[in-house]
C-alpha atoms as a PDB file:
ATOM      1  CA  UNK A   1       0.000   0.000   0.000  1.00  0.00           C
ATOM      2  CA  UNK A   2       1.355   3.433  -0.883  1.00  0.00           C
ATOM      3  CA  UNK A   3      -0.418   6.483   0.547  1.00  0.00           C
ATOM      4  CA  UNK A   4       0.109  10.084   1.595  1.00  0.00           C
ATOM      5  CA  UNK A   5      -2.504   9.679   4.362  1.00  0.00           C
ATOM      6  CA  UNK A   6      -0.716   9.666   7.746  1.00  0.00           C
ATOM      7  CA  UNK A   7      -3.471   7.519   9.268  1.00  0.00           C
ATOM      8  CA  UNK A   8      -5.059   7.881  12.700  1.00  0.00           C
ATOM      9  CA  UNK A   9      -5.186   5.816  15.897  1.00  0.00           C
ATOM     10  CA  UNK A  10      -7.891   3.219  16.552  1.00  0.00           C
ATOM     11  CA  UNK A  11     -10.868   3.452  16.342  1.00  0.00           C
ATOM     12  CA  UNK A  12     -10.633   6.322  13.833  1.00  0.00           C
ATOM     13  CA  UNK A  13      -8.006   4.628  11.661  1.00  0.00           C
ATOM     14  CA  UNK A  14      -8.126   5.475   7.980  1.00  0.00           C
ATOM     15  CA  UNK A  15      -5.616   2.954   6.605  1.00  0.00           C
ATOM     16  CA  UNK A  16      -6.293  -0.767   6.709  1.00  0.00           C
ATOM     17  CA  UNK A  17      -5.580  -3.943   4.782  1.00  0.00           C
ATOM     18  CA  UNK A  18      -7.330  -7.316   4.894  1.00  0.00           C
ATOM     19  CA  UNK A  19      -5.345 -10.549   4.757  1.00  0.00           C
ATOM     20  CA  UNK A  20      -6.334 -14.130   4.011  1.00  0.00           C
ATOM     21  CA  UNK A  21      -4.975 -16.916   6.211  1.00  0.00           C
ATOM     22  CA  UNK A  22      -1.280 -17.473   5.544  1.00  0.00           C
ATOM     23  CA  UNK A  23       2.198 -16.221   6.360  1.00  0.00           C
ATOM     24  CA  UNK A  24       3.197 -12.716   5.305  1.00  0.00           C
ATOM     25  CA  UNK A  25       6.228 -10.473   5.489  1.00  0.00           C
ATOM     26  CA  UNK A  26       5.614  -6.747   5.881  1.00  0.00           C
ATOM     27  CA  UNK A  27       7.842  -3.713   6.249  1.00  0.00           C
ATOM     28  CA  UNK A  28       7.289   0.011   6.524  1.00  0.00           C
ATOM     29  CA  UNK A  29       9.055   2.817   4.683  1.00  0.00           C
ATOM     30  CA  UNK A  30       8.243   6.425   5.667  1.00  0.00           C
ATOM     31  CA  UNK A  31       9.379   9.440   3.653  1.00  0.00           C
ATOM     32  CA  UNK A  32       9.468  12.637   5.694  1.00  0.00           C
ATOM     33  CA  UNK A  33       9.217  16.209   4.432  1.00  0.00           C
ATOM     34  CA  UNK A  34       8.751  19.450   6.343  1.00  0.00           C
ATOM     35  CA  UNK A  35       7.713  23.080   6.206  1.00  0.00           C
ATOM     36  CA  UNK A  36       8.533  25.932   8.551  1.00  0.00           C
ATOM     37  CA  UNK A  37       7.346  29.419   9.388  1.00  0.00           C
ATOM     38  CA  UNK A  38       9.054  32.392  11.042  1.00  0.00           C
ATOM     39  CA  UNK A  39       6.954  34.501  13.398  1.00  0.00           C
ATOM     40  CA  UNK A  40       3.699  33.297  11.819  1.00  0.00           C
ATOM     41  CA  UNK A  41       4.770  34.236   8.289  1.00  0.00           C
ATOM     42  CA  UNK A  42       4.190  32.248   5.125  1.00  0.00           C
ATOM     43  CA  UNK A  43       5.091  28.551   5.260  1.00  0.00           C
ATOM     44  CA  UNK A  44       8.224  27.534   3.372  1.00  0.00           C
ATOM     45  CA  UNK A  45       9.327  24.028   2.383  1.00  0.00           C
ATOM     46  CA  UNK A  46      12.447  22.489   3.893  1.00  0.00           C
ATOM     47  CA  UNK A  47      14.427  21.296   0.857  1.00  0.00           C
ATOM     48  CA  UNK A  48      14.636  17.539   0.327  1.00  0.00           C
ATOM     49  CA  UNK A  49      13.199  14.594   2.218  1.00  0.00           C
ATOM     50  CA  UNK A  50      14.519  11.807   4.412  1.00  0.00           C
ATOM     51  CA  UNK A  51      13.420   8.184   4.562  1.00  0.00           C
ATOM     52  CA  UNK A  52      13.078   5.819   7.514  1.00  0.00           C
ATOM     53  CA  UNK A  53      12.887   2.093   6.751  1.00  0.00           C
ATOM     54  CA  UNK A  54      11.614  -0.464   9.260  1.00  0.00           C
ATOM     55  CA  UNK A  55      12.940  -4.016   9.238  1.00  0.00           C
ATOM     56  CA  UNK A  56      10.749  -6.691   7.646  1.00  0.00           C
ATOM     57  CA  UNK A  57       8.533  -8.653  10.043  1.00  0.00           C
ATOM     58  CA  UNK A  58       7.027 -12.058   9.258  1.00  0.00           C
ATOM     59  CA  UNK A  59       3.669 -12.935  10.804  1.00  0.00           C
ATOM     60  CA  UNK A  60       0.969 -15.581  10.523  1.00  0.00           C
ATOM     61  CA  UNK A  61      -2.667 -14.727   9.871  1.00  0.00           C
ATOM     62  CA  UNK A  62      -5.152 -17.242  11.271  1.00  0.00           C
ATOM     63  CA  UNK A  63      -8.889 -17.404  10.815  1.00  0.00           C
ATOM     64  CA  UNK A  64     -11.345 -18.665  13.416  1.00  0.00           C
ATOM     65  CA  UNK A  65     -14.872 -19.643  12.431  1.00  0.00           C
ATOM     66  CA  UNK A  66     -17.789 -19.681  14.829  1.00  0.00           C
ATOM     67  CA  UNK A  67     -19.941 -22.762  15.146  1.00  0.00           C
ATOM     68  CA  UNK A  68     -23.348 -22.654  16.819  1.00  0.00           C
ATOM     69  CA  UNK A  69     -24.060 -25.654  19.016  1.00  0.00           C
ATOM     70  CA  UNK A  70     -26.910 -26.788  21.223  1.00  0.00           C
ATOM     71  CA  UNK A  71     -25.669 -26.815  24.864  1.00  0.00           C
ATOM     72  CA  UNK A  72     -28.396 -29.363  25.760  1.00  0.00           C
ATOM     73  CA  UNK A  73     -27.210 -32.127  23.370  1.00  0.00           C
END
């Protein structure tokens, strides 16, 4: 997923991805840019960007299915 949306914390999150059962490897790369102002003046861009890369993480996705039963059987 590539986005310019910074997201938000739960429960107001705006970025999500659904997975099927299996094993996945994910990593995160963030590109940072900035602006600045002096004494409330017009915003100016800071030249260039910098990138932060997180290490890959492997995880398993499992799926549980509900089953209705009769407790009196």
